[in-house]
């Protein structure tokens, strides 16, 4: 299993950060490896059970994962589970007020490969760190708009 954890600070209030991240289409704005993210439930509100199709570009191809929102604790916690035929990803996002009107966001992602692909786990870990660092930087930049 490969994992990546990061924490970023935001000048935005926790409820605004929560709303932005709970609508997982936003991942296409802050993660440079994501080509697109579509809410498959149409215009339905973002609730537990919401599904997002996320297309990730890699060096060799594209990977499509369907992420299902499995936990939503307003202004506090979001858990999404992405899956396709070769992997499962569980992303946990925790949002805390910083005491000054802003928020701290902790993002923890774990990816497990399926079947024989598990043998490539150590290689995935190396690539996942680089992708994670880029996503962390993009999230920080999107949560802190320039004046």
N, C-alpha and C. Protein backbone atom coordinates (compact mmCIF):
# COMPACT_ATOMS: atom_id res chain seq x y z
N UNK A 1 0.85 -1.18 0.00
CA UNK A 1 0.00 0.00 0.00
C UNK A 1 0.89 1.24 0.00
N UNK A 2 0.55 2.19 -0.84
CA UNK A 2 1.23 3.47 -0.88
C UNK A 2 0.38 4.48 -0.14
N UNK A 3 1.03 5.40 0.55
CA UNK A 3 0.27 6.43 1.25
C UNK A 3 0.98 7.76 1.13
N UNK A 4 0.19 8.80 1.32
CA UNK A 4 0.72 10.16 1.28
C UNK A 4 -0.11 11.01 2.22
N UNK A 5 0.55 11.78 3.05
CA UNK A 5 -0.15 12.68 3.97
C UNK A 5 0.49 14.06 3.88
N UNK A 6 -0.35 15.07 3.94
CA UNK A 6 0.13 16.45 3.89
C UNK A 6 -0.83 17.34 4.65
N UNK A 7 -0.31 18.47 5.11
CA UNK A 7 -1.13 19.46 5.79
C UNK A 7 -0.85 20.81 5.17
N UNK A 8 -1.92 21.55 4.89
CA UNK A 8 -1.78 22.90 4.36
C UNK A 8 -2.65 23.84 5.17
N UNK A 9 -2.27 25.09 5.19
CA UNK A 9 -3.06 26.12 5.87
C UNK A 9 -3.79 26.95 4.83
N UNK A 10 -4.93 27.49 5.26
CA UNK A 10 -5.73 28.33 4.37
C UNK A 10 -6.20 29.56 5.12
N UNK A 11 -6.30 30.65 4.40
CA UNK A 11 -6.86 31.87 4.96
C UNK A 11 -8.39 31.85 4.93
N UNK A 12 -8.96 30.88 4.20
CA UNK A 12 -10.41 30.75 4.09
C UNK A 12 -10.98 30.11 5.36
N UNK A 13 -12.23 30.43 5.71
CA UNK A 13 -12.84 29.81 6.89
C UNK A 13 -13.13 28.32 6.66
N UNK A 14 -13.17 27.53 7.74
CA UNK A 14 -13.35 26.08 7.61
C UNK A 14 -14.59 25.67 6.81
N UNK A 15 -15.72 26.34 6.98
CA UNK A 15 -16.93 25.93 6.25
C UNK A 15 -16.78 26.15 4.75
N UNK A 16 -16.07 27.18 4.35
CA UNK A 16 -15.83 27.44 2.94
C UNK A 16 -14.86 26.40 2.35
N UNK A 17 -13.83 26.06 3.10
CA UNK A 17 -12.87 25.04 2.67
C UNK A 17 -13.58 23.70 2.55
N UNK A 18 -14.43 23.37 3.52
CA UNK A 18 -15.18 22.12 3.49
C UNK A 18 -16.04 22.03 2.23
N UNK A 19 -16.80 23.08 1.96
CA UNK A 19 -17.69 23.07 0.79
C UNK A 19 -16.89 22.89 -0.51
N UNK A 20 -15.75 23.55 -0.59
CA UNK A 20 -14.90 23.46 -1.77
C UNK A 20 -14.38 22.04 -1.97
N UNK A 21 -13.90 21.42 -0.90
CA UNK A 21 -13.30 20.09 -1.02
C UNK A 21 -14.33 18.97 -1.07
N UNK A 22 -15.49 19.15 -0.43
CA UNK A 22 -16.53 18.11 -0.47
C UNK A 22 -17.04 17.93 -1.89
N UNK A 23 -17.08 19.01 -2.66
CA UNK A 23 -17.42 18.90 -4.08
C UNK A 23 -16.13 18.50 -4.79
N UNK A 24 -15.90 17.20 -4.90
CA UNK A 24 -14.61 16.68 -5.33
C UNK A 24 -14.27 17.02 -6.78
N UNK A 25 -15.18 17.68 -7.49
CA UNK A 25 -14.80 18.20 -8.81
C UNK A 25 -13.64 19.18 -8.67
N UNK A 26 -13.52 19.80 -7.49
CA UNK A 26 -12.45 20.77 -7.26
C UNK A 26 -11.06 20.16 -7.40
N UNK A 27 -10.93 18.84 -7.28
CA UNK A 27 -9.62 18.21 -7.39
C UNK A 27 -8.96 18.54 -8.74
N UNK A 28 -9.76 18.76 -9.77
CA UNK A 28 -9.21 19.11 -11.08
C UNK A 28 -8.59 20.51 -11.08
N UNK A 29 -8.97 21.34 -10.11
CA UNK A 29 -8.41 22.69 -10.02
C UNK A 29 -7.09 22.71 -9.27
N UNK A 30 -6.92 21.82 -8.30
CA UNK A 30 -5.73 21.92 -7.46
C UNK A 30 -4.74 20.77 -7.61
N UNK A 31 -5.13 19.67 -8.23
CA UNK A 31 -4.19 18.56 -8.43
C UNK A 31 -3.77 18.53 -9.90
N UNK A 32 -2.53 18.90 -10.21
CA UNK A 32 -2.11 18.99 -11.61
C UNK A 32 -2.12 17.65 -12.35
N UNK A 33 -2.19 16.53 -11.64
CA UNK A 33 -2.23 15.24 -12.33
C UNK A 33 -3.65 14.87 -12.77
N UNK A 34 -4.64 15.64 -12.32
CA UNK A 34 -6.04 15.32 -12.66
C UNK A 34 -6.44 16.07 -13.92
N UNK A 35 -6.85 15.30 -14.92
CA UNK A 35 -7.30 15.88 -16.19
C UNK A 35 -8.74 16.37 -16.07
N UNK A 36 -9.59 15.59 -15.38
CA UNK A 36 -10.99 16.00 -15.23
C UNK A 36 -11.60 15.31 -14.02
N UNK A 37 -12.65 15.92 -13.49
CA UNK A 37 -13.42 15.35 -12.38
C UNK A 37 -14.88 15.74 -12.61
N UNK A 38 -15.73 14.73 -12.70
CA UNK A 38 -17.14 14.94 -13.05
C UNK A 38 -18.01 14.37 -11.93
N UNK A 39 -19.03 15.12 -11.54
CA UNK A 39 -20.01 14.64 -10.55
C UNK A 39 -21.03 13.79 -11.30
N UNK A 40 -21.03 12.48 -11.05
CA UNK A 40 -21.90 11.58 -11.81
C UNK A 40 -23.36 11.63 -11.37
N UNK A 41 -23.63 12.30 -10.27
CA UNK A 41 -25.01 12.41 -9.79
C UNK A 41 -25.70 13.66 -10.33
N UNK A 42 -25.15 14.25 -11.37
CA UNK A 42 -25.78 15.41 -12.00
C UNK A 42 -25.84 16.60 -11.07
N UNK A 43 -27.03 17.16 -10.95
CA UNK A 43 -27.21 18.35 -10.13
C UNK A 43 -27.58 18.03 -8.68
N UNK A 44 -27.56 16.74 -8.32
CA UNK A 44 -27.87 16.37 -6.94
C UNK A 44 -26.89 17.05 -5.99
N UNK A 45 -27.34 17.34 -4.76
CA UNK A 45 -26.42 17.92 -3.78
C UNK A 45 -25.30 16.94 -3.42
N UNK A 46 -24.23 17.48 -2.92
CA UNK A 46 -23.09 16.66 -2.50
C UNK A 46 -23.43 16.09 -1.12
N UNK A 47 -23.65 14.78 -1.08
CA UNK A 47 -23.97 14.08 0.16
C UNK A 47 -23.19 12.77 0.18
N UNK A 48 -23.31 12.03 1.29
CA UNK A 48 -22.74 10.69 1.32
C UNK A 48 -23.36 9.91 0.17
N UNK A 49 -22.55 9.22 -0.59
CA UNK A 49 -23.01 8.48 -1.76
C UNK A 49 -22.76 9.21 -3.07
N UNK A 50 -22.37 10.49 -3.02
CA UNK A 50 -22.05 11.23 -4.25
C UNK A 50 -20.87 10.54 -4.93
N UNK A 51 -20.93 10.46 -6.26
CA UNK A 51 -19.88 9.78 -7.03
C UNK A 51 -19.24 10.77 -8.00
N UNK A 52 -17.92 10.72 -8.03
CA UNK A 52 -17.13 11.58 -8.90
C UNK A 52 -16.22 10.71 -9.76
N UNK A 53 -16.26 10.90 -11.06
CA UNK A 53 -15.33 10.20 -11.96
C UNK A 53 -14.13 11.10 -12.18
N UNK A 54 -12.97 10.61 -11.75
CA UNK A 54 -11.73 11.38 -11.80
C UNK A 54 -10.77 10.72 -12.79
N UNK A 55 -10.32 11.50 -13.76
CA UNK A 55 -9.36 11.02 -14.76
C UNK A 55 -8.00 11.62 -14.43
N UNK A 56 -7.03 10.73 -14.21
CA UNK A 56 -5.69 11.13 -13.81
C UNK A 56 -4.74 10.83 -14.98
N UNK A 57 -3.93 11.81 -15.33
CA UNK A 57 -2.96 11.59 -16.40
C UNK A 57 -1.65 11.12 -15.77
N UNK A 58 -1.08 10.09 -16.35
CA UNK A 58 0.21 9.58 -15.92
C UNK A 58 1.18 9.71 -17.09
N UNK A 59 2.41 9.32 -16.86
CA UNK A 59 3.42 9.42 -17.92
C UNK A 59 3.06 8.55 -19.12
N UNK A 60 2.41 7.42 -18.87
CA UNK A 60 2.13 6.47 -19.94
C UNK A 60 0.69 6.41 -20.40
N UNK A 61 -0.24 6.81 -19.56
CA UNK A 61 -1.66 6.63 -19.90
C UNK A 61 -2.53 7.51 -19.01
N UNK A 62 -3.80 7.19 -19.01
CA UNK A 62 -4.75 7.82 -18.10
C UNK A 62 -5.36 6.75 -17.21
N UNK A 63 -5.64 7.12 -15.99
CA UNK A 63 -6.29 6.24 -15.03
C UNK A 63 -7.61 6.89 -14.66
N UNK A 64 -8.68 6.12 -14.69
CA UNK A 64 -10.00 6.62 -14.30
C UNK A 64 -10.42 5.92 -13.02
N UNK A 65 -10.77 6.71 -12.02
CA UNK A 65 -11.25 6.19 -10.74
C UNK A 65 -12.63 6.79 -10.46
N UNK A 66 -13.54 5.98 -9.99
CA UNK A 66 -14.83 6.49 -9.51
C UNK A 66 -14.73 6.63 -8.00
N UNK A 67 -14.78 7.87 -7.53
CA UNK A 67 -14.71 8.18 -6.10
C UNK A 67 -16.12 8.32 -5.54
N UNK A 68 -16.39 7.61 -4.47
CA UNK A 68 -17.66 7.72 -3.76
C UNK A 68 -17.42 8.40 -2.42
N UNK A 69 -18.24 9.37 -2.11
CA UNK A 69 -18.16 10.03 -0.81
C UNK A 69 -18.72 9.06 0.23
N UNK A 70 -17.88 8.63 1.17
CA UNK A 70 -18.35 7.66 2.16
C UNK A 70 -18.55 8.27 3.55
N UNK A 71 -18.00 9.45 3.78
CA UNK A 71 -18.24 10.18 5.03
C UNK A 71 -18.24 11.67 4.75
N UNK A 72 -19.16 12.36 5.38
CA UNK A 72 -19.20 13.83 5.35
C UNK A 72 -19.60 14.31 6.74
N UNK A 73 -18.70 14.98 7.40
CA UNK A 73 -19.00 15.62 8.67
C UNK A 73 -18.82 17.10 8.43
N UNK A 74 -19.93 17.84 8.27
CA UNK A 74 -19.86 19.24 7.84
C UNK A 74 -18.80 20.07 8.55
N UNK A 75 -18.06 20.77 7.73
CA UNK A 75 -16.97 21.67 8.11
C UNK A 75 -15.84 20.97 8.85
N UNK A 76 -15.80 19.62 8.81
CA UNK A 76 -14.82 18.91 9.61
C UNK A 76 -14.08 17.79 8.87
N UNK A 77 -14.82 16.88 8.21
CA UNK A 77 -14.18 15.67 7.69
C UNK A 77 -14.89 15.17 6.43
N UNK A 78 -14.07 14.75 5.45
CA UNK A 78 -14.55 14.18 4.19
C UNK A 78 -13.74 12.91 3.94
N UNK A 79 -14.43 11.82 3.62
CA UNK A 79 -13.72 10.60 3.24
C UNK A 79 -14.30 10.13 1.91
N UNK A 80 -13.40 9.89 0.96
CA UNK A 80 -13.77 9.43 -0.37
C UNK A 80 -13.04 8.12 -0.66
N UNK A 81 -13.73 7.24 -1.37
CA UNK A 81 -13.13 5.96 -1.77
C UNK A 81 -13.18 5.87 -3.29
N UNK A 82 -12.00 5.83 -3.90
CA UNK A 82 -11.90 5.71 -5.35
C UNK A 82 -11.52 4.30 -5.73
N UNK A 83 -12.10 3.82 -6.82
CA UNK A 83 -11.81 2.45 -7.22
C UNK A 83 -11.93 2.29 -8.72
N UNK A 84 -11.08 1.40 -9.24
CA UNK A 84 -11.22 0.89 -10.59
C UNK A 84 -10.79 -0.57 -10.56
N UNK A 85 -10.57 -1.19 -11.69
CA UNK A 85 -10.26 -2.62 -11.73
C UNK A 85 -8.87 -2.95 -11.17
N UNK A 86 -7.99 -1.95 -11.05
CA UNK A 86 -6.63 -2.24 -10.62
C UNK A 86 -6.23 -1.65 -9.28
N UNK A 87 -7.05 -0.76 -8.70
CA UNK A 87 -6.65 -0.14 -7.44
C UNK A 87 -7.84 0.40 -6.66
N UNK A 88 -7.55 0.66 -5.38
CA UNK A 88 -8.50 1.32 -4.48
C UNK A 88 -7.74 2.44 -3.79
N UNK A 89 -8.36 3.61 -3.72
CA UNK A 89 -7.78 4.75 -3.03
C UNK A 89 -8.77 5.23 -1.98
N UNK A 90 -8.29 5.48 -0.78
CA UNK A 90 -9.13 6.07 0.25
C UNK A 90 -8.47 7.39 0.66
N UNK A 91 -9.20 8.48 0.46
CA UNK A 91 -8.70 9.82 0.75
C UNK A 91 -9.49 10.39 1.93
N UNK A 92 -8.79 10.79 2.97
CA UNK A 92 -9.41 11.37 4.15
C UNK A 92 -8.95 12.81 4.29
N UNK A 93 -9.90 13.72 4.37
CA UNK A 93 -9.61 15.15 4.48
C UNK A 93 -10.19 15.63 5.79
N UNK A 94 -9.35 16.23 6.63
CA UNK A 94 -9.80 16.76 7.91
C UNK A 94 -9.53 18.26 7.91
N UNK A 95 -10.56 19.04 8.26
CA UNK A 95 -10.47 20.49 8.26
C UNK A 95 -10.66 20.99 9.69
N UNK A 96 -9.76 21.83 10.14
CA UNK A 96 -9.83 22.40 11.48
C UNK A 96 -9.67 23.91 11.40
N UNK A 97 -10.44 24.62 12.22
CA UNK A 97 -10.24 26.06 12.33
C UNK A 97 -8.89 26.34 12.96
N UNK A 98 -8.27 27.44 12.54
CA UNK A 98 -6.94 27.76 13.07
C UNK A 98 -6.99 28.79 14.19
N UNK A 99 -8.19 29.20 14.60
CA UNK A 99 -8.32 30.18 15.66
C UNK A 99 -8.18 31.62 15.21
N UNK A 100 -7.92 31.82 13.92
CA UNK A 100 -7.74 33.17 13.37
C UNK A 100 -8.63 33.41 12.16
N UNK A 101 -9.67 32.58 12.00
CA UNK A 101 -10.58 32.71 10.88
C UNK A 101 -10.24 31.85 9.68
N UNK A 102 -9.07 31.24 9.70
CA UNK A 102 -8.65 30.37 8.60
C UNK A 102 -8.81 28.91 8.97
N UNK A 103 -8.19 28.05 8.20
CA UNK A 103 -8.33 26.61 8.42
C UNK A 103 -7.01 25.89 8.15
N UNK A 104 -6.89 24.73 8.76
CA UNK A 104 -5.80 23.81 8.48
C UNK A 104 -6.43 22.56 7.87
N UNK A 105 -5.88 22.12 6.77
CA UNK A 105 -6.40 20.96 6.06
C UNK A 105 -5.35 19.85 6.10
N UNK A 106 -5.75 18.70 6.62
CA UNK A 106 -4.91 17.51 6.59
C UNK A 106 -5.49 16.56 5.56
N UNK A 107 -4.66 16.14 4.62
CA UNK A 107 -5.09 15.26 3.53
C UNK A 107 -4.27 13.98 3.63
N UNK A 108 -4.95 12.86 3.75
CA UNK A 108 -4.29 11.56 3.86
C UNK A 108 -4.86 10.64 2.80
N UNK A 109 -4.02 10.18 1.89
CA UNK A 109 -4.45 9.30 0.80
C UNK A 109 -3.70 7.99 0.88
N UNK A 110 -4.44 6.90 0.73
CA UNK A 110 -3.85 5.57 0.73
C UNK A 110 -4.32 4.84 -0.53
N UNK A 111 -3.37 4.27 -1.28
CA UNK A 111 -3.70 3.53 -2.50
C UNK A 111 -3.22 2.10 -2.34
N UNK A 112 -4.11 1.18 -2.66
CA UNK A 112 -3.75 -0.23 -2.65
C UNK A 112 -4.03 -0.81 -4.03
N UNK A 113 -3.00 -1.44 -4.58
CA UNK A 113 -3.15 -2.08 -5.88
C UNK A 113 -3.82 -3.44 -5.70
N UNK A 114 -4.53 -3.87 -6.74
CA UNK A 114 -5.24 -5.15 -6.70
C UNK A 114 -4.46 -6.22 -7.44
N UNK A 115 -4.67 -7.48 -7.03
CA UNK A 115 -4.11 -8.62 -7.73
C UNK A 115 -2.59 -8.59 -7.80
N UNK A 116 -2.07 -9.03 -8.93
CA UNK A 116 -0.63 -9.09 -9.12
C UNK A 116 0.01 -7.70 -9.15
N UNK A 117 -0.79 -6.70 -9.37
CA UNK A 117 -0.26 -5.32 -9.39
C UNK A 117 0.34 -4.95 -8.03
N UNK A 118 -0.09 -5.64 -6.96
CA UNK A 118 0.45 -5.36 -5.63
C UNK A 118 1.97 -5.45 -5.60
N UNK A 119 2.54 -6.25 -6.47
CA UNK A 119 3.99 -6.39 -6.52
C UNK A 119 4.68 -5.08 -6.89
N UNK A 120 3.95 -4.20 -7.56
CA UNK A 120 4.52 -2.91 -7.97
C UNK A 120 4.33 -1.84 -6.89
N UNK A 121 3.83 -2.23 -5.73
CA UNK A 121 3.57 -1.29 -4.65
C UNK A 121 4.73 -0.37 -4.31
N UNK A 122 5.96 -0.90 -4.14
CA UNK A 122 7.08 -0.01 -3.81
C UNK A 122 7.34 1.06 -4.87
N UNK A 123 7.18 0.72 -6.15
CA UNK A 123 7.36 1.70 -7.21
C UNK A 123 6.26 2.75 -7.17
N UNK A 124 5.04 2.31 -6.86
CA UNK A 124 3.91 3.23 -6.75
C UNK A 124 4.18 4.26 -5.65
N UNK A 125 4.75 3.80 -4.54
CA UNK A 125 5.04 4.71 -3.44
C UNK A 125 5.94 5.86 -3.84
N UNK A 126 6.95 5.58 -4.66
CA UNK A 126 7.86 6.64 -5.11
C UNK A 126 7.14 7.65 -5.99
N UNK A 127 6.36 7.16 -6.94
CA UNK A 127 5.61 8.06 -7.84
C UNK A 127 4.55 8.83 -7.07
N UNK A 128 3.92 8.16 -6.12
CA UNK A 128 2.83 8.77 -5.35
C UNK A 128 3.33 9.96 -4.54
N UNK A 129 4.56 9.90 -4.03
CA UNK A 129 5.10 11.03 -3.27
C UNK A 129 5.24 12.26 -4.16
N UNK A 130 5.77 12.07 -5.36
CA UNK A 130 5.94 13.21 -6.28
C UNK A 130 4.58 13.80 -6.65
N UNK A 131 3.63 12.94 -7.00
CA UNK A 131 2.29 13.40 -7.35
C UNK A 131 1.63 14.08 -6.16
N UNK A 132 1.82 13.50 -4.98
CA UNK A 132 1.25 14.08 -3.76
C UNK A 132 1.80 15.45 -3.45
N UNK A 133 3.10 15.61 -3.61
CA UNK A 133 3.71 16.92 -3.36
C UNK A 133 3.14 17.98 -4.31
N UNK A 134 2.96 17.61 -5.57
CA UNK A 134 2.38 18.55 -6.54
C UNK A 134 0.94 18.90 -6.17
N UNK A 135 0.17 17.90 -5.75
CA UNK A 135 -1.22 18.14 -5.35
C UNK A 135 -1.27 19.01 -4.10
N UNK A 136 -0.39 18.73 -3.13
CA UNK A 136 -0.33 19.55 -1.91
C UNK A 136 -0.07 21.02 -2.25
N UNK A 137 0.89 21.26 -3.13
CA UNK A 137 1.21 22.64 -3.51
C UNK A 137 0.04 23.30 -4.21
N UNK A 138 -0.63 22.56 -5.09
CA UNK A 138 -1.80 23.10 -5.77
C UNK A 138 -2.94 23.39 -4.82
N UNK A 139 -3.15 22.51 -3.85
CA UNK A 139 -4.21 22.74 -2.86
C UNK A 139 -3.90 23.99 -2.04
N UNK A 140 -2.67 24.11 -1.59
CA UNK A 140 -2.27 25.29 -0.82
C UNK A 140 -2.51 26.57 -1.63
N UNK A 141 -2.11 26.55 -2.89
CA UNK A 141 -2.27 27.74 -3.73
C UNK A 141 -3.75 28.07 -3.98
N UNK A 142 -4.59 27.05 -4.16
CA UNK A 142 -6.02 27.30 -4.42
C UNK A 142 -6.77 27.72 -3.18
N UNK A 143 -6.30 27.30 -2.01
CA UNK A 143 -6.98 27.69 -0.77
C UNK A 143 -6.50 29.04 -0.24
N UNK A 144 -5.50 29.61 -0.88
CA UNK A 144 -4.97 30.89 -0.45
C UNK A 144 -4.87 31.82 -1.66
N UNK A 145 -6.00 32.38 -2.08
CA UNK A 145 -5.97 33.22 -3.27
C UNK A 145 -5.03 34.42 -3.10
N UNK A 146 -4.38 34.74 -4.18
CA UNK A 146 -3.49 35.89 -4.15
C UNK A 146 -4.31 37.17 -4.19
N UNK A 147 -3.86 38.14 -3.47
CA UNK A 147 -4.55 39.43 -3.42
C UNK A 147 -4.10 40.32 -4.54
